[in-house]
Amino acid sequence: MSRRFVTLDVFTTRPHAGNPLAVVLDSDGLDTAAMQTIAREFNLSETVFVAPPANPAHRAAIRIFTPGQELPFAGHPTVGTAALLALRDAAEGRAADRLVLEEKVGLVPCVIVLGNARSARATFTLPKLPEQIAQPITEAALAEALGLDVADLGFDAHRPSAFSAGVAYTTVPLASREAVAKARVAGTFAEAVAAAPNGNAFIYCRQTEEAGHHYHARMFWPEAGVTEDPATGSAVAAFAGAIMAFDRPGDGTHRLVIEQGYEMGRPSQIELTLTVAGGALASATIGGAAVVMSEGVLL
């Protein structure tokens, strides 16, 4: 059976930037092992498989795979798939401004603003607010795993921690843009992060490449087959927990732009909006643009 697929660049308004995504539109008859094999063949940070929803009021059910494992939730697959399905709906004369995706983490409502025939912006509400979880790695071991000195870790109130909004991340604040740039997956990385959830590291600093942005970030997750990711929406969803814990934003709405992928030549911009009430995070959204890059058929 031939299966249609589309690739998109996500969290960018221009081609050949952002985070590439493959979306397989016909997943009927594929089991988990087959999906994992196809994701490994695409060898992108994530591949999405679209199926009919359990509830006909929703737009689609999706499953998300890295080259190494399935994820219950991910940001750039959600943004890219929502944008793609909205573009297809609009081309067929159907309403395309809102849709709900069924993911393993739960229902994910999305709002879409169409651009031209091959681009759109999608924003989704986090299905699960971030929660802090145990982070058992010492700062010395974490610094060594990233090829850094302990003095490179932390700024202001920010310290290494771990949060999950559906997918767990070790969040690592670094003191400077230079420290972020020189960070790498060192030889001790796998051993150091083995005790932490998911064996990854989302590193960030306040100094940004572009004016008007708020944080500069990178994300390493070799265990999942993603040595470095150009844009990681699920990590930014978890990072919202670090922002709440360490920056303590006041009540109201806060829009932040996290830039990622610049060291890879894939500049990406992830929009995070926090709604704070009574000193606690009431809701949050992740948004960004997506551009269709190719269409084809798996034989």
Foldseek 3Di string as FASTA:
>chain_A
DKWKKFKKAWQDPDPPFHFIEIETEDCPPPDPVNVLVVLLVVQGQKYKYWDDDPDNQADTEIWMAGNAGTAQDWDRVVFAVLFVSLLVCVVVVHHRQWGWYQGNLGIKIKGWDDDPSFKIKIKIWQPFAKDWDADPFDLCLVQVQFVHHSLQWDDQQFGWTWIFSRAIETETETADPVSQLSTARDPCQQVRCVVPGQSKYKYWYQDDPDPPAGIEIWIARVNRVPRTGQDTRRVVSNCVVSCLVRVQDDAAKDWHWYWGNVSVVRTGIKIKIFGDDPSHTPIMMIMRMMGIDDMDMDD
